[in-house]
């Protein structure tokens, strides 16, 4: 076997609870979530009952988080949910999960190049008159993300923290304004509203608003006191997302009128300006312009957060020698060096192919890439929930609630959402393009590819195959009796 690509490794003790929460919430991009996700939940889901959809999904994820908190005490690894699946469902299952995660996160970054580039071109042209092609704006954005990520994960968390505070602040001001001027309509939580339209579609779309919360697992090796930090960050992130998206959506449907919310959202759907029109109405046109600018900040923050996440999956699979071991090389500050470069180049090249083909970023790039990225992450979350319940049952853990019932209920909820996402992929992707609707088959290819690759490793490279499980302990961050994080040194094998 070859030695790990770099003796440096990820930077230990770099992130506290706040830093990880900033990374997670930035990936969620609250302002973008209200502008895009909430509008879709209202328009195609359960209309004025949309706030309830966000809170119901939060309950499902909190049930999953109960088991996740227990698993995180057993395993702190940069492989994130891939590492969880290896532990619970075995090497082959983990390899499949790793391929799905790598596929989903990397394509998601391609989608963020499309969204960021498109909105930068439109908004900056409107504000300044300077018009540059969307791909060039997107290329500039991913280049800046790459440079920031190389500076270190703690630096990224600080940048994302600032952007998060700004975008949440504008939502809070809007929410308070609606509360004072109109009041929040409790009818949004009545059975008539909650079950109006399509509640299943509402839950499916609301679940996309939480994408990114699972990144807490990816930063466990870089966390201070991971035994406490990771579970706290996970609970905090889920609750924070639920409050931000749920309350702000409640403000939107209260402002439009619960009974009229679905129609109002449909009327503004093509322009995507429902929130901005309401901000102009309640706070004035200048604040609407500020919100538009903050949308660009939100989109960039999401790109940076997902770039960091995708990079760590490449790093983890490189360290496991499933992908080229060069991907595990890190800079002296602990930032994955080669994985970050490969991720940024991959995203830029794929987005560039779309641009060269003359395809519209909003009609093609974003639906295709964000659609398959979203589906991949939901499937990954489902596999992780199943893995947690299975692993603890194999250990015959006596804590039935926290290690079986809660994560089991979370698994059932996530599985339901995953099935809905596959069956209604046209809603997830926001398009009826027949080519884009074939993209879920990439997950089937990932499963087949994982099975074939696992069989090859087991036969031709048994040491690498065995290491998929044994390396989890080599690179696991353990906690001593004094609650101080320590790391088992990476052996030169």
Protein backbone atom coordinates (compact mmCIF):
# COMPACT_ATOMS: atom_id res chain seq x y z
CA UNK A 1 0.00 0.00 0.00
CA UNK A 2 1.12 3.56 -0.62
CA UNK A 3 1.54 6.19 2.01
CA UNK A 4 -1.02 8.97 2.41
CA UNK A 5 -0.44 11.72 -0.12
CA UNK A 6 0.43 14.29 2.50
CA UNK A 7 1.61 14.11 6.13
CA UNK A 8 -0.08 17.42 6.87
CA UNK A 9 -3.73 16.44 6.92
CA UNK A 10 -6.70 18.65 7.61
CA UNK A 11 -6.33 21.41 10.16
CA UNK A 12 -7.44 20.28 13.60
CA UNK A 13 -9.43 22.40 16.05
CA UNK A 14 -10.17 25.04 13.41
CA UNK A 15 -13.95 25.27 13.80
CA UNK A 16 -16.29 25.76 16.71
CA UNK A 17 -20.06 25.41 16.70
CA UNK A 18 -20.56 28.90 15.23
CA UNK A 19 -18.04 28.31 12.42
CA UNK A 20 -19.66 25.06 11.34
CA UNK A 21 -23.15 26.57 11.55
CA UNK A 22 -22.01 29.47 9.35
CA UNK A 23 -20.68 27.00 6.78
CA UNK A 24 -23.92 25.04 6.83
CA UNK A 25 -26.33 27.98 6.75
CA UNK A 26 -24.33 29.63 3.98
CA UNK A 27 -24.83 26.50 1.87
CA UNK A 28 -28.54 26.72 2.62
CA UNK A 29 -28.43 30.40 1.50
CA UNK A 30 -31.50 31.67 3.43
CA UNK A 31 -32.25 34.63 1.16
CA UNK A 32 -32.02 32.45 -1.95
CA UNK A 33 -34.15 29.91 -0.11
CA UNK A 34 -36.98 32.41 0.32
CA UNK A 35 -36.61 33.89 -3.17
CA UNK A 36 -36.55 30.49 -4.91
CA UNK A 37 -37.50 27.57 -2.66
CA UNK A 38 -40.29 29.21 -0.66
CA UNK A 39 -41.84 30.60 -3.84
CA UNK A 40 -41.88 27.10 -5.34
CA UNK A 41 -43.35 25.53 -2.21
CA UNK A 42 -46.15 28.12 -2.24
CA UNK A 43 -46.75 27.88 -6.00
CA UNK A 44 -46.58 24.11 -6.55
CA UNK A 45 -46.96 22.77 -3.02
CA UNK A 46 -49.52 23.62 -0.40
CA UNK A 47 -49.92 27.35 -1.08
CA UNK A 48 -50.71 29.35 2.05
CA UNK A 49 -49.85 26.30 4.19
CA UNK A 50 -46.22 26.38 2.98
CA UNK A 51 -44.78 27.45 6.38
CA UNK A 52 -46.00 24.16 7.88
CA UNK A 53 -44.10 22.23 5.19
CA UNK A 54 -40.79 23.70 6.37
CA UNK A 55 -41.55 22.86 10.00
CA UNK A 56 -42.66 19.29 9.18
CA UNK A 57 -39.42 18.65 7.30
CA UNK A 58 -37.50 20.08 10.27
CA UNK A 59 -39.14 17.50 12.55
CA UNK A 60 -38.06 14.69 10.20
CA UNK A 61 -34.48 15.97 10.12
CA UNK A 62 -34.36 16.45 13.90
CA UNK A 63 -35.41 12.82 14.35
CA UNK A 64 -32.56 11.84 12.05
CA UNK A 65 -30.23 14.14 14.00
CA UNK A 66 -30.93 12.26 17.25
CA UNK A 67 -29.25 9.16 15.82
CA UNK A 68 -26.69 11.25 13.98
CA UNK A 69 -25.59 12.81 17.28
CA UNK A 70 -24.93 9.35 18.69
CA UNK A 71 -23.07 8.21 15.58
CA UNK A 72 -20.91 11.34 15.57
CA UNK A 73 -19.61 10.27 18.99
CA UNK A 74 -18.40 7.06 17.38
CA UNK A 75 -17.02 8.51 14.17
CA UNK A 76 -15.58 11.91 13.27
CA UNK A 77 -14.29 11.71 9.72
CA UNK A 78 -13.94 14.06 6.74
CA UNK A 79 -15.79 11.49 4.66
CA UNK A 80 -19.04 12.71 6.15
CA UNK A 81 -22.04 10.55 5.35
CA UNK A 82 -19.88 8.33 3.11
CA UNK A 83 -18.02 7.28 6.27
CA UNK A 84 -21.33 6.68 8.08
CA UNK A 85 -22.52 4.36 5.31
CA UNK A 86 -19.25 2.41 5.31
CA UNK A 87 -19.69 1.84 9.04
CA UNK A 88 -23.36 0.88 8.81
CA UNK A 89 -23.81 -0.80 5.41
CA UNK A 90 -20.28 -1.99 4.69
CA UNK A 91 -17.52 -1.16 2.23
CA UNK A 92 -19.54 -1.64 -0.96
CA UNK A 93 -22.44 0.44 0.36
CA UNK A 94 -20.01 3.13 1.45
CA UNK A 95 -18.33 3.16 -1.94
CA UNK A 96 -21.71 3.66 -3.63
CA UNK A 97 -22.54 6.46 -1.18
CA UNK A 98 -19.17 8.08 -1.84
CA UNK A 99 -19.75 8.08 -5.59
CA UNK A 100 -23.26 9.51 -5.15
CA UNK A 101 -21.94 12.22 -2.82
CA UNK A 102 -19.09 13.12 -5.15
CA UNK A 103 -21.45 13.24 -8.13
CA UNK A 104 -24.07 15.31 -6.33
CA UNK A 105 -21.88 17.91 -4.66
CA UNK A 106 -19.66 18.50 -7.68
CA UNK A 107 -22.60 18.93 -10.05
CA UNK A 108 -24.28 21.18 -7.49
CA UNK A 109 -21.29 23.52 -7.70
CA UNK A 110 -21.72 23.59 -11.50
CA UNK A 111 -25.30 24.67 -10.90
CA UNK A 112 -24.20 27.46 -8.56
CA UNK A 113 -21.95 28.78 -11.34
CA UNK A 114 -25.07 29.02 -13.48
CA UNK A 115 -27.21 30.76 -10.85
CA UNK A 116 -24.48 33.10 -9.65
CA UNK A 117 -23.40 33.98 -13.18
CA UNK A 118 -26.93 34.57 -14.43
CA UNK A 119 -28.03 36.81 -11.57
CA UNK A 120 -24.73 38.71 -11.53
CA UNK A 121 -25.08 39.45 -15.24
CA UNK A 122 -28.70 40.63 -14.89
CA UNK A 123 -28.42 42.57 -11.62
CA UNK A 124 -25.06 44.23 -12.28
CA UNK A 125 -26.19 45.23 -15.79
CA UNK A 126 -29.34 46.79 -14.33
CA UNK A 127 -27.47 48.67 -11.60
CA UNK A 128 -24.37 49.79 -13.51
CA UNK A 129 -25.02 49.22 -17.21
CA UNK A 130 -21.98 46.91 -17.42
CA UNK A 131 -23.02 43.68 -19.16
CA UNK A 132 -20.75 40.62 -19.14
CA UNK A 133 -21.61 37.05 -20.18
CA UNK A 134 -23.00 34.89 -17.35
CA UNK A 135 -20.24 32.30 -17.70
CA UNK A 136 -17.49 34.88 -17.16
CA UNK A 137 -19.22 36.07 -13.97
CA UNK A 138 -19.60 32.45 -12.84
CA UNK A 139 -15.96 31.71 -13.68
CA UNK A 140 -14.85 34.72 -11.66
CA UNK A 141 -16.99 33.54 -8.74
CA UNK A 142 -15.60 30.00 -8.64
CA UNK A 143 -12.06 31.37 -8.95
CA UNK A 144 -12.61 33.61 -5.90
CA UNK A 145 -14.16 30.65 -4.04
CA UNK A 146 -11.09 28.55 -4.80
CA UNK A 147 -8.72 31.23 -3.49
CA UNK A 148 -10.79 31.72 -0.32
CA UNK A 149 -11.01 27.97 0.32
CA UNK A 150 -7.20 27.67 -0.04
CA UNK A 151 -6.80 30.29 2.67
CA UNK A 152 -8.28 27.87 5.18
CA UNK A 153 -11.60 26.62 6.44
CA UNK A 154 -11.62 29.06 9.36
CA UNK A 155 -11.29 31.97 6.93
CA UNK A 156 -14.18 30.60 4.84
CA UNK A 157 -16.37 30.34 7.92
CA UNK A 158 -15.71 33.98 8.82
CA UNK A 159 -16.52 35.22 5.31
CA UNK A 160 -19.65 33.11 5.23
CA UNK A 161 -20.60 34.34 8.68
CA UNK A 162 -20.63 37.95 7.48
CA UNK A 163 -22.68 37.16 4.40
CA UNK A 164 -25.09 35.08 6.47
CA UNK A 165 -25.68 37.89 8.96
CA UNK A 166 -26.41 40.34 6.13
CA UNK A 167 -28.93 38.16 4.30
CA UNK A 168 -30.67 37.03 7.47
CA UNK A 169 -30.86 40.65 8.66
CA UNK A 170 -32.86 41.74 5.61
CA UNK A 171 -35.27 38.83 6.13
CA UNK A 172 -35.72 39.66 9.82
CA UNK A 173 -36.45 43.31 9.01
CA UNK A 174 -39.01 42.22 6.43
CA UNK A 175 -40.61 39.73 8.84
CA UNK A 176 -40.94 42.35 11.58
CA UNK A 177 -42.40 44.85 9.10
CA UNK A 178 -45.08 42.36 8.02
CA UNK A 179 -45.80 41.49 11.65
CA UNK A 180 -46.26 45.17 12.58
CA UNK A 181 -48.15 46.33 9.49
CA UNK A 182 -50.25 43.26 8.66
CA UNK A 183 -49.73 40.63 11.34
CA UNK A 184 -48.96 36.95 10.85
CA UNK A 185 -52.04 35.00 9.79
CA UNK A 186 -52.45 31.85 11.94
CA UNK A 187 -54.71 30.47 9.21
CA UNK A 188 -51.49 29.34 7.50
CA UNK A 189 -51.39 26.46 10.00
CA UNK A 190 -55.05 25.49 9.71
CA UNK A 191 -55.79 22.02 8.28
CA UNK A 192 -57.44 23.67 5.26
CA UNK A 193 -54.23 25.54 4.42
CA UNK A 194 -51.71 22.83 5.32
CA UNK A 195 -53.48 20.18 3.24
CA UNK A 196 -54.38 22.51 0.37
CA UNK A 197 -52.78 22.05 -3.03
CA UNK A 198 -50.22 19.25 -2.78
CA UNK A 199 -48.68 18.70 0.66
CA UNK A 200 -46.32 15.94 -0.61
CA UNK A 201 -44.88 18.28 -3.24
CA UNK A 202 -44.69 21.00 -0.60
CA UNK A 203 -42.66 18.71 1.67
CA UNK A 204 -40.41 17.66 -1.21
CA UNK A 205 -39.63 21.23 -2.21
CA UNK A 206 -39.28 22.37 1.40
CA UNK A 207 -36.69 19.60 1.93
CA UNK A 208 -34.52 21.19 -0.78
CA UNK A 209 -34.32 24.26 1.46
CA UNK A 210 -32.36 22.24 4.03
CA UNK A 211 -29.72 20.95 1.62
CA UNK A 212 -26.35 21.61 3.19
CA UNK A 213 -27.19 20.80 6.82
CA UNK A 214 -25.46 17.41 6.38
CA UNK A 215 -22.14 19.23 5.87
CA UNK A 216 -21.61 19.24 9.65
CA UNK A 217 -20.28 15.68 9.25
CA UNK A 218 -17.75 16.77 6.61
CA UNK A 219 -16.03 19.20 8.97
CA UNK A 220 -15.83 16.87 11.97
CA UNK A 221 -12.06 16.33 11.65
CA UNK A 222 -11.56 20.11 11.65
CA UNK A 223 -13.88 20.78 14.58
CA UNK A 224 -12.96 21.66 18.12
CA UNK A 225 -14.19 18.98 20.51
CA UNK A 226 -16.13 17.09 17.80
CA UNK A 227 -17.92 14.94 20.39
CA UNK A 228 -19.87 18.02 21.44
CA UNK A 229 -19.38 20.43 18.57
CA UNK A 230 -20.83 18.35 15.71
CA UNK A 231 -24.12 17.33 17.39
CA UNK A 232 -24.66 20.89 18.68
CA UNK A 233 -23.91 22.36 15.25
CA UNK A 234 -26.30 19.91 13.58
CA UNK A 235 -29.21 20.65 15.93
CA UNK A 236 -28.49 24.37 15.75
CA UNK A 237 -28.34 24.37 11.95
CA UNK A 238 -31.61 22.46 11.48
CA UNK A 239 -33.48 24.61 13.99
CA UNK A 240 -32.03 27.83 12.55
CA UNK A 241 -32.99 26.84 9.00
CA UNK A 242 -36.51 25.95 10.14
CA UNK A 243 -36.97 29.28 11.92
CA UNK A 244 -35.54 31.39 9.09
CA UNK A 245 -37.37 29.67 6.24
CA UNK A 246 -40.55 28.86 8.16
CA UNK A 247 -41.09 32.30 9.70
CA UNK A 248 -40.10 34.23 6.57
CA UNK A 249 -42.42 32.07 4.45
CA UNK A 250 -45.15 32.74 7.01
CA UNK A 251 -44.49 36.46 6.55
CA UNK A 252 -44.77 36.09 2.76
CA UNK A 253 -48.10 34.22 2.81
CA UNK A 254 -49.45 36.62 5.45
CA UNK A 255 -48.49 39.58 3.26
CA UNK A 256 -50.17 38.11 0.17
CA UNK A 257 -53.07 36.61 2.10
CA UNK A 258 -53.11 32.90 2.94
CA UNK A 259 -55.97 32.16 0.55
CA UNK A 260 -54.31 34.10 -2.29
CA UNK A 261 -50.71 33.04 -1.66
CA UNK A 262 -50.55 30.30 -4.28
CA UNK A 263 -51.97 32.46 -7.06
CA UNK A 264 -49.69 35.37 -6.12
CA UNK A 265 -46.64 33.13 -6.19
CA UNK A 266 -47.60 31.69 -9.58
CA UNK A 267 -47.98 35.20 -11.00
CA UNK A 268 -44.48 36.18 -9.86
CA UNK A 269 -42.85 32.83 -10.59
CA UNK A 270 -41.37 33.61 -14.01
CA UNK A 271 -39.74 36.84 -12.82
CA UNK A 272 -38.84 35.34 -9.44
CA UNK A 273 -39.60 38.65 -7.75
CA UNK A 274 -42.34 37.82 -5.22
CA UNK A 275 -40.15 38.57 -2.20
CA UNK A 276 -38.60 41.66 -3.78
CA UNK A 277 -42.02 43.09 -4.64
CA UNK A 278 -43.18 42.52 -1.06
CA UNK A 279 -40.01 44.10 0.35
CA UNK A 280 -40.61 47.14 -1.88
CA UNK A 281 -44.20 47.29 -0.60
CA UNK A 282 -43.36 46.97 3.09
CA UNK A 283 -39.87 48.51 3.31
CA UNK A 284 -39.58 50.71 0.23
CA UNK A 285 -37.81 50.45 -3.12
CA UNK A 286 -34.29 51.18 -1.77
CA UNK A 287 -34.50 48.16 0.54
CA UNK A 288 -35.65 46.04 -2.39
CA UNK A 289 -32.50 47.05 -4.28
CA UNK A 290 -30.38 46.18 -1.24
CA UNK A 291 -32.11 42.78 -1.04
CA UNK A 292 -31.32 42.22 -4.72
CA UNK A 293 -27.64 42.91 -4.09
CA UNK A 294 -27.65 40.63 -1.04
CA UNK A 295 -29.06 37.90 -3.27
CA UNK A 296 -25.72 37.96 -5.10
CA UNK A 297 -23.92 37.66 -1.76
CA UNK A 298 -26.17 34.74 -0.83
CA UNK A 299 -25.50 32.93 -4.10
CA UNK A 300 -21.74 33.39 -3.76
CA UNK A 301 -21.83 32.15 -0.16
CA UNK A 302 -23.68 29.01 -1.27
CA UNK A 303 -21.09 28.39 -3.98
CA UNK A 304 -18.22 28.73 -1.48
CA UNK A 305 -19.91 26.43 1.04
CA UNK A 306 -20.66 23.71 -1.53
CA UNK A 307 -17.16 24.04 -3.00
CA UNK A 308 -15.75 23.31 0.46
CA UNK A 309 -18.10 20.33 0.87
CA UNK A 310 -17.37 18.84 -2.55
CA UNK A 311 -13.65 19.30 -1.96
CA UNK A 312 -13.79 17.29 1.26
CA UNK A 313 -15.52 14.36 -0.40
CA UNK A 314 -12.81 14.30 -3.07
CA UNK A 315 -10.18 14.56 -0.31
CA UNK A 316 -11.71 11.69 1.68
CA UNK A 317 -12.01 9.36 -1.33
CA UNK A 318 -8.47 10.26 -2.37
CA UNK A 319 -7.20 9.47 1.13
CA UNK A 320 -9.01 6.12 0.93
CA UNK A 321 -7.27 5.57 -2.45
CA UNK A 322 -10.63 5.01 -4.13
CA UNK A 323 -9.79 8.06 -6.23
CA UNK A 324 -6.19 9.15 -7.01
CA UNK A 325 -4.29 9.60 -3.73
CA UNK A 326 -3.02 13.00 -4.90
CA UNK A 327 -6.45 14.37 -3.97
CA UNK A 328 -5.50 13.91 -0.30
CA UNK A 329 -2.67 16.44 -0.43
CA UNK A 330 -3.21 19.46 1.79
CA UNK A 331 -1.62 22.85 2.24
CA UNK A 332 0.24 23.69 5.47
CA UNK A 333 -2.94 25.39 6.73
CA UNK A 334 -4.89 22.13 6.28
CA UNK A 335 -6.87 23.15 3.18
CA UNK A 336 -7.18 20.32 0.62
CA UNK A 337 -4.89 21.53 -2.15
CA UNK A 338 -5.32 19.20 -5.11
CA UNK A 339 -8.95 18.32 -4.35
CA UNK A 340 -9.88 22.01 -4.27
CA UNK A 341 -8.19 22.66 -7.60
CA UNK A 342 -9.76 19.61 -9.24
CA UNK A 343 -13.21 20.56 -7.93
CA UNK A 344 -12.99 24.15 -9.17
CA UNK A 345 -11.63 23.10 -12.59
CA UNK A 346 -14.29 20.39 -12.97
CA UNK A 347 -17.11 22.83 -12.19
CA UNK A 348 -15.66 25.51 -14.48
CA UNK A 349 -15.14 23.10 -17.39
CA UNK A 350 -18.61 21.52 -17.18
CA UNK A 351 -20.27 24.94 -16.92
CA UNK A 352 -18.07 26.08 -19.80
CA UNK A 353 -19.35 23.24 -21.98
CA UNK A 354 -22.91 24.44 -21.36
CA UNK A 355 -21.85 27.99 -22.23
CA UNK A 356 -20.06 26.95 -25.44
CA UNK A 357 -23.17 25.06 -26.50
CA UNK A 358 -25.12 28.30 -26.09
CA UNK A 359 -27.48 26.78 -23.52
CA UNK A 360 -29.47 29.06 -21.24
CA UNK A 361 -28.16 29.02 -17.64
CA UNK A 362 -31.58 29.27 -16.00
CA UNK A 363 -33.49 27.03 -18.40
CA UNK A 364 -30.84 24.30 -18.75
CA UNK A 365 -27.72 24.60 -16.56
CA UNK A 366 -29.43 25.30 -13.25
CA UNK A 367 -32.32 22.80 -13.60
CA UNK A 368 -29.99 20.02 -14.74
CA UNK A 369 -27.16 20.48 -12.25
CA UNK A 370 -29.07 21.62 -9.17
CA UNK A 371 -31.77 19.03 -9.88
CA UNK A 372 -29.43 16.03 -9.90
CA UNK A 373 -27.34 17.54 -7.11
CA UNK A 374 -30.41 17.92 -4.92
CA UNK A 375 -31.60 14.38 -5.61
CA UNK A 376 -28.13 12.96 -4.88
CA UNK A 377 -27.88 14.70 -1.51
CA UNK A 378 -31.38 13.57 -0.48
CA UNK A 379 -30.48 9.96 -1.35
CA UNK A 380 -27.21 10.33 0.58
CA UNK A 381 -29.09 11.58 3.65
CA UNK A 382 -31.46 8.60 3.39
CA UNK A 383 -28.58 6.11 3.22
CA UNK A 384 -26.93 7.75 6.22
CA UNK A 385 -30.13 7.50 8.29
CA UNK A 386 -30.46 3.80 7.45
CA UNK A 387 -26.78 3.20 8.23
CA UNK A 388 -27.07 4.73 11.69
CA UNK A 389 -30.02 2.53 12.67
CA UNK A 390 -28.38 -0.61 11.23
CA UNK A 391 -25.01 -0.04 12.89
CA UNK A 392 -26.41 0.53 16.36
CA UNK A 393 -28.65 -2.55 16.06
CA UNK A 394 -25.61 -4.61 15.15
CA UNK A 395 -23.96 -3.28 18.29
CA UNK A 396 -27.10 -4.21 20.26
CA UNK A 397 -27.17 -0.72 21.73
CA UNK A 398 -29.74 -0.53 24.56
CA UNK A 399 -30.76 3.08 23.79
CA UNK A 400 -33.72 2.28 21.55
CA UNK A 401 -35.04 5.82 21.19
CA UNK A 402 -31.82 7.60 20.22
CA UNK A 403 -30.24 4.83 18.15
CA UNK A 404 -33.19 3.12 16.47
CA UNK A 405 -36.66 4.67 16.83
CA UNK A 406 -35.72 8.32 16.14
CA UNK A 407 -33.24 7.64 13.30
CA UNK A 408 -35.62 4.97 11.96
CA UNK A 409 -38.46 7.48 11.76
CA UNK A 410 -36.03 9.94 10.18
CA UNK A 411 -35.10 7.29 7.62
CA UNK A 412 -38.75 6.65 6.74
CA UNK A 413 -39.35 10.38 6.32
CA UNK A 414 -36.22 10.87 4.21
CA UNK A 415 -36.98 7.77 2.12
CA UNK A 416 -40.44 9.17 1.40
CA UNK A 417 -38.90 12.47 0.30
CA UNK A 418 -36.31 10.65 -1.84
CA UNK A 419 -39.03 8.62 -3.60
CA UNK A 420 -41.05 11.79 -4.15
CA UNK A 421 -37.94 13.47 -5.59
CA UNK A 422 -37.38 10.65 -8.08
CA UNK A 423 -41.03 10.39 -9.11
CA UNK A 424 -41.40 14.18 -9.35
CA UNK A 425 -37.95 15.03 -10.68
CA UNK A 426 -39.54 17.48 -13.10
CA UNK A 427 -40.66 19.52 -10.07
CA UNK A 428 -37.26 19.27 -8.37
CA UNK A 429 -35.46 20.33 -11.54
CA UNK A 430 -38.15 22.83 -12.50
CA UNK A 431 -38.26 21.72 -16.11
CA UNK A 432 -39.96 19.32 -18.51
CA UNK A 433 -36.86 18.99 -20.71
CA UNK A 434 -36.76 15.27 -21.58
CA UNK A 435 -32.96 15.14 -21.50
CA UNK A 436 -32.79 16.64 -18.01
CA UNK A 437 -35.51 14.27 -16.80
CA UNK A 438 -33.15 11.37 -17.62
CA UNK A 439 -30.53 12.59 -15.14
CA UNK A 440 -31.78 10.50 -12.16
CA UNK A 441 -30.44 7.49 -14.07
CA UNK A 442 -26.98 8.80 -13.13
CA UNK A 443 -27.74 7.55 -9.61
CA UNK A 444 -28.44 4.09 -11.02
CA UNK A 445 -25.11 4.27 -12.85
CA UNK A 446 -23.43 5.28 -9.57
CA UNK A 447 -24.92 2.21 -7.88
CA UNK A 448 -23.83 -0.12 -10.69
CA UNK A 449 -20.44 1.58 -10.87
CA UNK A 450 -20.01 1.22 -7.10
CA UNK A 451 -20.84 -2.48 -7.22
CA UNK A 452 -18.46 -3.11 -10.13
CA UNK A 453 -15.65 -1.01 -8.62
CA UNK A 454 -16.06 -2.69 -5.22
CA UNK A 455 -15.82 -6.13 -6.87
CA UNK A 456 -12.68 -5.00 -8.72
CA UNK A 457 -11.04 -3.67 -5.55
CA UNK A 458 -11.94 -6.78 -3.59
CA UNK A 459 -10.30 -8.97 -6.24
CA UNK A 460 -7.40 -6.86 -7.53
CA UNK A 461 -6.65 -4.49 -4.63
CA UNK A 462 -7.84 -6.19 -1.45
CA UNK A 463 -5.69 -3.92 0.74
CA UNK A 464 -7.46 -0.83 -0.61
CA UNK A 465 -10.86 -2.51 -0.26
CA UNK A 466 -10.16 -3.53 3.35
CA UNK A 467 -8.87 -0.04 4.13
CA UNK A 468 -12.27 1.45 3.27
CA UNK A 469 -13.31 0.27 6.72
CA UNK A 470 -10.03 0.17 8.66
CA UNK A 471 -9.05 3.71 7.61
CA UNK A 472 -12.16 5.04 9.34
CA UNK A 473 -10.41 4.32 12.62
CA UNK A 474 -7.01 5.52 11.42
CA UNK A 475 -8.42 8.95 10.60
CA UNK A 476 -11.09 9.06 13.27
CA UNK A 477 -10.94 11.96 15.72
CA UNK A 478 -11.36 10.56 19.21
CA UNK A 479 -12.11 12.39 22.41
CA UNK A 480 -10.22 11.82 25.62
CA UNK A 481 -11.68 11.76 29.09
CA UNK A 482 -10.89 15.44 29.41
CA UNK A 483 -13.02 16.20 26.34
CA UNK A 484 -9.99 17.47 24.45
CA UNK A 485 -9.91 16.36 20.85
CA UNK A 486 -6.91 14.33 19.84
CA UNK A 487 -6.14 12.59 16.60
CA UNK A 488 -4.57 9.20 16.04
CA UNK A 489 -1.46 9.94 13.94
CA UNK A 490 -1.75 9.06 10.30
CA UNK A 491 0.48 5.99 9.86
CA UNK A 492 2.90 5.59 7.01
CA UNK A 493 1.81 2.22 5.69
